[in-house]
C-alpha cells in the first residue's frame, strides 16, 4: 500500500511524477515553497466551521 505523506517536498516530487511533469532542479525549491503556502491556505479553509443547517449558494447565471 502507498504511504501518505504531508512533506511538501515529497508531495511535489510524487505529483510531478504522477502527471509526468519534468520539474527542473532550479525550479523545485520554488514549487515546494508555493506548495507550503497552498497547504496553509487550504488548511484555513478546511478548518472554517460551518453550521449544520447551511444552504448551498444558488447557481450564478449572468
Protein backbone atom coordinates (compact mmCIF):
# COMPACT_ATOMS: atom_id res chain seq x y z
CA UNK A 1 0.00 0.00 0.00
CA UNK A 2 1.22 3.51 -0.75
CA UNK A 3 2.25 5.62 2.21
CA UNK A 4 0.57 9.01 2.65
CA UNK A 5 2.92 11.90 3.37
CA UNK A 6 2.45 15.51 4.37
CA UNK A 7 6.01 16.55 3.49
CA UNK A 8 5.58 19.20 0.77
CA UNK A 9 8.87 18.28 -0.93
CA UNK A 10 7.82 14.64 -1.20
CA UNK A 11 4.35 15.65 -2.41
CA UNK A 12 5.82 17.84 -5.15
CA UNK A 13 8.06 15.01 -6.34
CA UNK A 14 5.20 12.49 -6.29
CA UNK A 15 2.72 14.75 -8.06
CA UNK A 16 5.25 15.76 -10.72
CA UNK A 17 5.92 12.08 -11.39
CA UNK A 18 2.19 11.29 -11.41
CA UNK A 19 1.46 13.78 -14.19
CA UNK A 20 4.80 13.22 -15.96
CA UNK A 21 5.86 16.83 -15.34
CA UNK A 22 9.57 17.37 -15.88
CA UNK A 23 10.45 19.57 -12.89
CA UNK A 24 13.82 21.25 -13.31
CA UNK A 25 16.06 21.20 -10.21
CA UNK A 26 16.37 25.01 -10.21
CA UNK A 27 12.56 25.35 -10.07
CA UNK A 28 11.87 22.67 -7.47
CA UNK A 29 12.52 24.81 -4.37
CA UNK A 30 10.10 27.50 -5.60
CA UNK A 31 7.42 24.91 -6.31
CA UNK A 32 7.89 23.41 -2.83
CA UNK A 33 7.63 26.89 -1.24
CA UNK A 34 4.38 27.54 -3.10
CA UNK A 35 3.03 24.15 -2.04
CA UNK A 36 3.70 25.09 1.59
CA UNK A 37 1.63 28.24 1.07
CA UNK A 38 -1.15 26.33 -0.71
CA UNK A 39 -1.32 23.78 2.12
CA UNK A 40 -1.58 26.57 4.73
CA UNK A 41 -4.41 28.29 2.81
CA UNK A 42 -6.27 25.01 2.28
CA UNK A 43 -5.96 24.20 5.98
CA UNK A 44 -7.59 27.53 6.88
CA UNK A 45 -10.48 26.84 4.50
CA UNK A 46 -10.95 23.26 5.69
CA UNK A 47 -10.91 24.24 9.36
CA UNK A 48 -13.50 27.01 8.98
CA UNK A 49 -16.56 25.95 10.96
CA UNK A 50 -19.85 25.80 9.10
CA UNK A 51 -23.24 25.30 10.74
CA UNK A 52 -25.06 22.05 10.03
CA UNK A 53 -28.08 23.85 8.58
CA UNK A 54 -26.18 25.89 5.99
CA UNK A 55 -27.70 26.08 2.50
CA UNK A 56 -25.74 25.87 -0.71
CA UNK A 57 -25.39 29.01 -2.78
CA UNK A 58 -27.69 29.44 -5.75
CA UNK A 59 -26.26 28.99 -9.23
CA UNK A 60 -24.99 32.25 -10.70
CA UNK A 61 -26.11 32.89 -14.25
CA UNK A 62 -25.10 36.26 -15.78
